[in-house]
Amino acid sequence: MSGRKPRVTDEEILDVFQSTSDPVLSTAEVAESLPIERRSIFNRLQQLEEDGLLESKEIGGRNRVWWVSDSDE
């Protein structure tokens, strides 16, 4: 297995969404809550979306918001 072990687990990322009353969070807002760089958190959020745990929407320019998927698939 190559690469470094993630310093933040997927569960810790998802906990950021569970611990707020906001319906959506920006990449920057998630990154502020965790000890990893914004680009790294963006990549992790994308992976969680591919895994079906999060959904996202581009809201203009390079801005994207994320939320926990409510699909039961």
PDB file of N, CA and C in Angstrom:
ATOM      1  N   MET A   1       0.852  -1.183   0.000  1.00  0.00           N
ATOM      2  CA  MET A   1       0.000   0.000   0.000  1.00  0.00           C
ATOM      3  C   MET A   1       0.894   1.241   0.000  1.00  0.00           C
ATOM      4  N   SER A   2       0.607   2.142  -0.913  1.00  0.00           N
ATOM      5  CA  SER A   2       1.440   3.340  -1.011  1.00  0.00           C
ATOM      6  C   SER A   2       0.730   4.547  -0.428  1.00  0.00           C
ATOM      7  N   GLY A   3       1.487   5.607  -0.227  1.00  0.00           N
ATOM      8  CA  GLY A   3       0.918   6.841   0.301  1.00  0.00           C
ATOM      9  C   GLY A   3       0.915   6.854   1.815  1.00  0.00           C
ATOM     10  N   ARG A   4       0.663   8.044   2.336  1.00  0.00           N
ATOM     11  CA  ARG A   4       0.619   8.205   3.785  1.00  0.00           C
ATOM     12  C   ARG A   4      -0.749   7.816   4.314  1.00  0.00           C
ATOM     13  N   LYS A   5      -0.766   7.364   5.523  1.00  0.00           N
ATOM     14  CA  LYS A   5      -2.023   7.051   6.188  1.00  0.00           C
ATOM     15  C   LYS A   5      -2.748   8.363   6.498  1.00  0.00           C
ATOM     16  N   PRO A   6      -4.048   8.440   6.222  1.00  0.00           N
ATOM     17  CA  PRO A   6      -4.773   9.675   6.528  1.00  0.00           C
ATOM     18  C   PRO A   6      -4.712  10.013   8.014  1.00  0.00           C
ATOM     19  N   ARG A   7      -4.481  11.289   8.294  1.00  0.00           N
ATOM     20  CA  ARG A   7      -4.446  11.735   9.688  1.00  0.00           C
ATOM     21  C   ARG A   7      -5.856  11.915  10.230  1.00  0.00           C
ATOM     22  N   VAL A   8      -6.827  11.989   9.346  1.00  0.00           N
ATOM     23  CA  VAL A   8      -8.217  12.180   9.730  1.00  0.00           C
ATOM     24  C   VAL A   8      -9.033  11.062   9.081  1.00  0.00           C
ATOM     25  N   THR A   9      -9.865  10.422   9.866  1.00  0.00           N
ATOM     26  CA  THR A   9     -10.670   9.327   9.335  1.00  0.00           C
ATOM     27  C   THR A   9     -11.910   9.861   8.616  1.00  0.00           C
ATOM     28  N   ASP A  10     -12.517   9.015   7.816  1.00  0.00           N
ATOM     29  CA  ASP A  10     -13.773   9.379   7.160  1.00  0.00           C
ATOM     30  C   ASP A  10     -14.828   9.716   8.202  1.00  0.00           C
ATOM     31  N   GLU A  11     -14.835   8.965   9.288  1.00  0.00           N
ATOM     32  CA  GLU A  11     -15.813   9.211  10.352  1.00  0.00           C
ATOM     33  C   GLU A  11     -15.640  10.603  10.959  1.00  0.00           C
ATOM     34  N   GLU A  12     -14.389  11.034  11.116  1.00  0.00           N
ATOM     35  CA  GLU A  12     -14.141  12.373  11.662  1.00  0.00           C
ATOM     36  C   GLU A  12     -14.643  13.445  10.700  1.00  0.00           C
ATOM     37  N   ILE A  13     -14.488  13.211   9.410  1.00  0.00           N
ATOM     38  CA  ILE A  13     -15.000  14.161   8.415  1.00  0.00           C
ATOM     39  C   ILE A  13     -16.516  14.204   8.480  1.00  0.00           C
ATOM     40  N   LEU A  14     -17.156  13.046   8.518  1.00  0.00           N
ATOM     41  CA  LEU A  14     -18.617  13.000   8.583  1.00  0.00           C
ATOM     42  C   LEU A  14     -19.138  13.595   9.887  1.00  0.00           C
ATOM     43  N   ASP A  15     -18.377  13.472  10.961  1.00  0.00           N
ATOM     44  CA  ASP A  15     -18.775  14.061  12.248  1.00  0.00           C
ATOM     45  C   ASP A  15     -18.889  15.586  12.165  1.00  0.00           C
ATOM     46  N   VAL A  16     -18.079  16.207  11.315  1.00  0.00           N
ATOM     47  CA  VAL A  16     -18.168  17.658  11.138  1.00  0.00           C
ATOM     48  C   VAL A  16     -19.575  18.025  10.659  1.00  0.00           C
ATOM     49  N   PHE A  17     -20.122  17.232   9.749  1.00  0.00           N
ATOM     50  CA  PHE A  17     -21.470  17.500   9.230  1.00  0.00           C
ATOM     51  C   PHE A  17     -22.528  17.227  10.288  1.00  0.00           C
ATOM     52  N   GLN A  18     -22.309  16.188  11.093  1.00  0.00           N
ATOM     53  CA  GLN A  18     -23.285  15.837  12.127  1.00  0.00           C
ATOM     54  C   GLN A  18     -23.298  16.832  13.281  1.00  0.00           C
ATOM     55  N   SER A  19     -22.196  17.547  13.483  1.00  0.00           N
ATOM     56  CA  SER A  19     -22.084  18.432  14.642  1.00  0.00           C
ATOM     57  C   SER A  19     -22.524  19.868  14.358  1.00  0.00           C
ATOM     58  N   THR A  20     -23.102  20.102  13.192  1.00  0.00           N
ATOM     59  CA  THR A  20     -23.567  21.448  12.865  1.00  0.00           C
ATOM     60  C   THR A  20     -25.042  21.422  12.504  1.00  0.00           C
ATOM     61  N   SER A  21     -25.694  22.557  12.684  1.00  0.00           N
ATOM     62  CA  SER A  21     -27.099  22.658  12.287  1.00  0.00           C
ATOM     63  C   SER A  21     -27.222  23.155  10.846  1.00  0.00           C
ATOM     64  N   ASP A  22     -26.097  23.524  10.236  1.00  0.00           N
ATOM     65  CA  ASP A  22     -26.126  23.975   8.850  1.00  0.00           C
ATOM     66  C   ASP A  22     -26.470  22.809   7.933  1.00  0.00           C
ATOM     67  N   PRO A  23     -27.348  23.036   6.953  1.00  0.00           N
ATOM     68  CA  PRO A  23     -27.705  21.944   6.036  1.00  0.00           C
ATOM     69  C   PRO A  23     -26.593  21.587   5.056  1.00  0.00           C
ATOM     70  N   VAL A  24     -25.715  22.546   4.769  1.00  0.00           N
ATOM     71  CA  VAL A  24     -24.594  22.307   3.858  1.00  0.00           C
ATOM     72  C   VAL A  24     -23.354  22.990   4.416  1.00  0.00           C
ATOM     73  N   LEU A  25     -22.182  22.484   4.021  1.00  0.00           N
ATOM     74  CA  LEU A  25     -20.916  23.079   4.428  1.00  0.00           C
ATOM     75  C   LEU A  25     -20.028  23.239   3.208  1.00  0.00           C
ATOM     76  N   SER A  26     -19.273  24.326   3.179  1.00  0.00           N
ATOM     77  CA  SER A  26     -18.295  24.517   2.109  1.00  0.00           C
ATOM     78  C   SER A  26     -17.043  23.705   2.427  1.00  0.00           C
ATOM     79  N   THR A  27     -16.221  23.516   1.425  1.00  0.00           N
ATOM     80  CA  THR A  27     -14.945  22.831   1.633  1.00  0.00           C
ATOM     81  C   THR A  27     -14.131  23.557   2.701  1.00  0.00           C
ATOM     82  N   ALA A  28     -14.108  24.888   2.645  1.00  0.00           N
ATOM     83  CA  ALA A  28     -13.352  25.673   3.612  1.00  0.00           C
ATOM     84  C   ALA A  28     -13.878  25.474   5.029  1.00  0.00           C
ATOM     85  N   GLU A  29     -15.200  25.413   5.187  1.00  0.00           N
ATOM     86  CA  GLU A  29     -15.770  25.216   6.523  1.00  0.00           C
ATOM     87  C   GLU A  29     -15.378  23.861   7.095  1.00  0.00           C
ATOM     88  N   VAL A  30     -15.381  22.841   6.265  1.00  0.00           N
ATOM     89  CA  VAL A  30     -14.967  21.514   6.731  1.00  0.00           C
ATOM     90  C   VAL A  30     -13.491  21.542   7.091  1.00  0.00           C
ATOM     91  N   ALA A  31     -12.685  22.160   6.238  1.00  0.00           N
ATOM     92  CA  ALA A  31     -11.237  22.225   6.468  1.00  0.00           C
ATOM     93  C   ALA A  31     -10.902  22.967   7.759  1.00  0.00           C
ATOM     94  N   GLU A  32     -11.680  23.976   8.121  1.00  0.00           N
ATOM     95  CA  GLU A  32     -11.439  24.732   9.356  1.00  0.00           C
ATOM     96  C   GLU A  32     -11.581  23.860  10.596  1.00  0.00           C
ATOM     97  N   SER A  33     -12.365  22.803  10.485  1.00  0.00           N
ATOM     98  CA  SER A  33     -12.641  21.941  11.635  1.00  0.00           C
ATOM     99  C   SER A  33     -11.674  20.778  11.770  1.00  0.00           C
ATOM    100  N   LEU A  34     -10.791  20.604  10.796  1.00  0.00           N
ATOM    101  CA  LEU A  34      -9.918  19.433  10.783  1.00  0.00           C
ATOM    102  C   LEU A  34      -8.467  19.828  10.546  1.00  0.00           C
ATOM    103  N   PRO A  35      -7.523  19.022  11.043  1.00  0.00           N
ATOM    104  CA  PRO A  35      -6.101  19.358  10.925  1.00  0.00           C
ATOM    105  C   PRO A  35      -5.460  18.882   9.611  1.00  0.00           C
ATOM    106  N   ILE A  36      -6.152  19.082   8.488  1.00  0.00           N
ATOM    107  CA  ILE A  36      -5.550  18.772   7.189  1.00  0.00           C
ATOM    108  C   ILE A  36      -5.806  19.927   6.232  1.00  0.00           C
ATOM    109  N   GLU A  37      -4.999  20.012   5.183  1.00  0.00           N
ATOM    110  CA  GLU A  37      -5.074  21.132   4.256  1.00  0.00           C
ATOM    111  C   GLU A  37      -6.368  21.107   3.443  1.00  0.00           C
ATOM    112  N   ARG A  38      -6.766  22.282   2.976  1.00  0.00           N
ATOM    113  CA  ARG A  38      -8.011  22.419   2.231  1.00  0.00           C
ATOM    114  C   ARG A  38      -8.033  21.529   0.987  1.00  0.00           C
ATOM    115  N   ARG A  39      -6.932  21.476   0.249  1.00  0.00           N
ATOM    116  CA  ARG A  39      -6.903  20.636  -0.959  1.00  0.00           C
ATOM    117  C   ARG A  39      -7.084  19.166  -0.601  1.00  0.00           C
ATOM    118  N   SER A  40      -6.468  18.749   0.491  1.00  0.00           N
ATOM    119  CA  SER A  40      -6.608  17.361   0.939  1.00  0.00           C
ATOM    120  C   SER A  40      -8.039  17.067   1.357  1.00  0.00           C
ATOM    121  N   ILE A  41      -8.657  18.006   2.063  1.00  0.00           N
ATOM    122  CA  ILE A  41     -10.038  17.770   2.486  1.00  0.00           C
ATOM    123  C   ILE A  41     -10.953  17.724   1.269  1.00  0.00           C
ATOM    124  N   PHE A  42     -10.691  18.551   0.263  1.00  0.00           N
ATOM    125  CA  PHE A  42     -11.499  18.514  -0.958  1.00  0.00           C
ATOM    126  C   PHE A  42     -11.422  17.127  -1.597  1.00  0.00           C
ATOM    127  N   ASN A  43     -10.222  16.576  -1.687  1.00  0.00           N
ATOM    128  CA  ASN A  43     -10.060  15.236  -2.260  1.00  0.00           C
ATOM    129  C   ASN A  43     -10.805  14.188  -1.450  1.00  0.00           C
ATOM    130  N   ARG A  44     -10.742  14.315  -0.138  1.00  0.00           N
ATOM    131  CA  ARG A  44     -11.440  13.354   0.737  1.00  0.00           C
ATOM    132  C   ARG A  44     -12.954  13.491   0.596  1.00  0.00           C
ATOM    133  N   LEU A  45     -13.448  14.731   0.500  1.00  0.00           N
ATOM    134  CA  LEU A  45     -14.878  14.947   0.317  1.00  0.00           C
ATOM    135  C   LEU A  45     -15.342  14.346  -1.006  1.00  0.00           C
ATOM    136  N   GLN A  46     -14.537  14.506  -2.054  1.00  0.00           N
ATOM    137  CA  GLN A  46     -14.872  13.904  -3.342  1.00  0.00           C
ATOM    138  C   GLN A  46     -14.962  12.390  -3.227  1.00  0.00           C
ATOM    139  N   GLN A  47     -14.036  11.789  -2.495  1.00  0.00           N
ATOM    140  CA  GLN A  47     -14.060  10.331  -2.331  1.00  0.00           C
ATOM    141  C   GLN A  47     -15.298   9.891  -1.564  1.00  0.00           C
ATOM    142  N   LEU A  48     -15.658  10.636  -0.532  1.00  0.00           N
ATOM    143  CA  LEU A  48     -16.868  10.315   0.225  1.00  0.00           C
ATOM    144  C   LEU A  48     -18.115  10.452  -0.650  1.00  0.00           C
ATOM    145  N   GLU A  49     -18.083  11.405  -1.582  1.00  0.00           N
ATOM    146  CA  GLU A  49     -19.203  11.544  -2.511  1.00  0.00           C
ATOM    147  C   GLU A  49     -19.248  10.337  -3.459  1.00  0.00           C
ATOM    148  N   GLU A  50     -18.112   9.929  -3.971  1.00  0.00           N
ATOM    149  CA  GLU A  50     -18.047   8.753  -4.841  1.00  0.00           C
ATOM    150  C   GLU A  50     -18.535   7.503  -4.108  1.00  0.00           C
ATOM    151  N   ASP A  51     -18.277   7.446  -2.805  1.00  0.00           N
ATOM    152  CA  ASP A  51     -18.712   6.314  -1.986  1.00  0.00           C
ATOM    153  C   ASP A  51     -20.193   6.396  -1.616  1.00  0.00           C
ATOM    154  N   GLY A  52     -20.860   7.495  -1.987  1.00  0.00           N
ATOM    155  CA  GLY A  52     -22.286   7.639  -1.719  1.00  0.00           C
ATOM    156  C   GLY A  52     -22.634   8.182  -0.349  1.00  0.00           C
ATOM    157  N   LEU A  53     -21.630   8.664   0.400  1.00  0.00           N
ATOM    158  CA  LEU A  53     -21.886   9.168   1.750  1.00  0.00           C
ATOM    159  C   LEU A  53     -22.185  10.657   1.783  1.00  0.00           C
ATOM    160  N   LEU A  54     -21.694  11.388   0.790  1.00  0.00           N
ATOM    161  CA  LEU A  54     -21.947  12.825   0.689  1.00  0.00           C
ATOM    162  C   LEU A  54     -22.475  13.149  -0.694  1.00  0.00           C
ATOM    163  N   GLU A  55     -23.104  14.311  -0.793  1.00  0.00           N
ATOM    164  CA  GLU A  55     -23.507  14.882  -2.070  1.00  0.00           C
ATOM    165  C   GLU A  55     -22.952  16.296  -2.116  1.00  0.00           C
ATOM    166  N   SER A  56     -22.843  16.851  -3.327  1.00  0.00           N
ATOM    167  CA  SER A  56     -22.323  18.208  -3.443  1.00  0.00           C
ATOM    168  C   SER A  56     -22.955  18.927  -4.617  1.00  0.00           C
ATOM    169  N   LYS A  57     -22.725  20.238  -4.601  1.00  0.00           N
ATOM    170  CA  LYS A  57     -23.234  21.086  -5.674  1.00  0.00           C
ATOM    171  C   LYS A  57     -22.287  22.258  -5.841  1.00  0.00           C
ATOM    172  N   GLU A  58     -21.939  22.558  -7.080  1.00  0.00           N
ATOM    173  CA  GLU A  58     -21.135  23.741  -7.353  1.00  0.00           C
ATOM    174  C   GLU A  58     -22.048  24.950  -7.254  1.00  0.00           C
ATOM    175  N   ILE A  59     -21.583  25.983  -6.555  1.00  0.00           N
ATOM    176  CA  ILE A  59     -22.433  27.156  -6.325  1.00  0.00           C
ATOM    177  C   ILE A  59     -21.850  28.415  -6.938  1.00  0.00           C
ATOM    178  N   GLY A  60     -21.021  28.242  -7.923  1.00  0.00           N
ATOM    179  CA  GLY A  60     -20.443  29.399  -8.598  1.00  0.00           C
ATOM    180  C   GLY A  60     -18.934  29.397  -8.509  1.00  0.00           C
ATOM    181  N   GLY A  61     -18.314  29.695  -9.628  1.00  0.00           N
ATOM    182  CA  GLY A  61     -16.857  29.701  -9.637  1.00  0.00           C
ATOM    183  C   GLY A  61     -16.319  28.346  -9.252  1.00  0.00           C
ATOM    184  N   ARG A  62     -15.399  28.356  -8.314  1.00  0.00           N
ATOM    185  CA  ARG A  62     -14.826  27.102  -7.827  1.00  0.00           C
ATOM    186  C   ARG A  62     -15.383  26.733  -6.456  1.00  0.00           C
ATOM    187  N   ASN A  63     -16.506  27.305  -6.099  1.00  0.00           N
ATOM    188  CA  ASN A  63     -17.101  27.049  -4.793  1.00  0.00           C
ATOM    189  C   ASN A  63     -18.045  25.857  -4.861  1.00  0.00           C
ATOM    190  N   ARG A  64     -17.966  25.012  -3.850  1.00  0.00           N
ATOM    191  CA  ARG A  64     -18.801  23.821  -3.783  1.00  0.00           C
ATOM    192  C   ARG A  64     -19.286  23.662  -2.355  1.00  0.00           C
ATOM    193  N   VAL A  65     -20.535  23.216  -2.214  1.00  0.00           N
ATOM    194  CA  VAL A  65     -21.070  22.893  -0.897  1.00  0.00           C
ATOM    195  C   VAL A  65     -21.351  21.401  -0.846  1.00  0.00           C
ATOM    196  N   TRP A  66     -21.292  20.863   0.359  1.00  0.00           N
ATOM    197  CA  TRP A  66     -21.421  19.427   0.605  1.00  0.00           C
ATOM    198  C   TRP A  66     -22.472  19.173   1.664  1.00  0.00           C
ATOM    199  N   TRP A  67     -23.135  18.029   1.595  1.00  0.00           N
ATOM    200  CA  TRP A  67     -24.075  17.611   2.620  1.00  0.00           C
ATOM    201  C   TRP A  67     -24.113  16.090   2.678  1.00  0.00           C
ATOM    202  N   VAL A  68     -24.579  15.581   3.797  1.00  0.00           N
ATOM    203  CA  VAL A  68     -24.655  14.135   3.975  1.00  0.00           C
ATOM    204  C   VAL A  68     -25.765  13.601   3.093  1.00  0.00           C
ATOM    205  N   SER A  69     -25.451  12.551   2.363  1.00  0.00           N
ATOM    206  CA  SER A  69     -26.429  11.929   1.470  1.00  0.00           C
ATOM    207  C   SER A  69     -27.549  11.322   2.288  1.00  0.00           C
ATOM    208  N   ASP A  70     -28.778  11.503   1.817  1.00  0.00           N
ATOM    209  CA  ASP A  70     -29.903  10.892   2.514  1.00  0.00           C
ATOM    210  C   ASP A  70     -30.446   9.687   1.756  1.00  0.00           C
ATOM    211  N   SER A  71     -29.710   9.266   0.726  1.00  0.00           N
ATOM    212  CA  SER A  71     -30.169   8.100  -0.042  1.00  0.00           C
ATOM    213  C   SER A  71     -29.905   6.838   0.737  1.00  0.00           C
ATOM    214  N   ASP A  72     -30.803   5.883   0.598  1.00  0.00           N
ATOM    215  CA  ASP A  72     -30.678   4.605   1.287  1.00  0.00           C
ATOM    216  C   ASP A  72     -30.180   3.527   0.337  1.00  0.00           C
ATOM    217  N   GLU A  73     -29.555   3.944  -0.748  1.00  0.00           N
ATOM    218  CA  GLU A  73     -29.105   2.978  -1.747  1.00  0.00           C
ATOM    219  C   GLU A  73     -27.817   2.333  -1.335  1.00  0.00           C
TER     220      GLU A  73
END
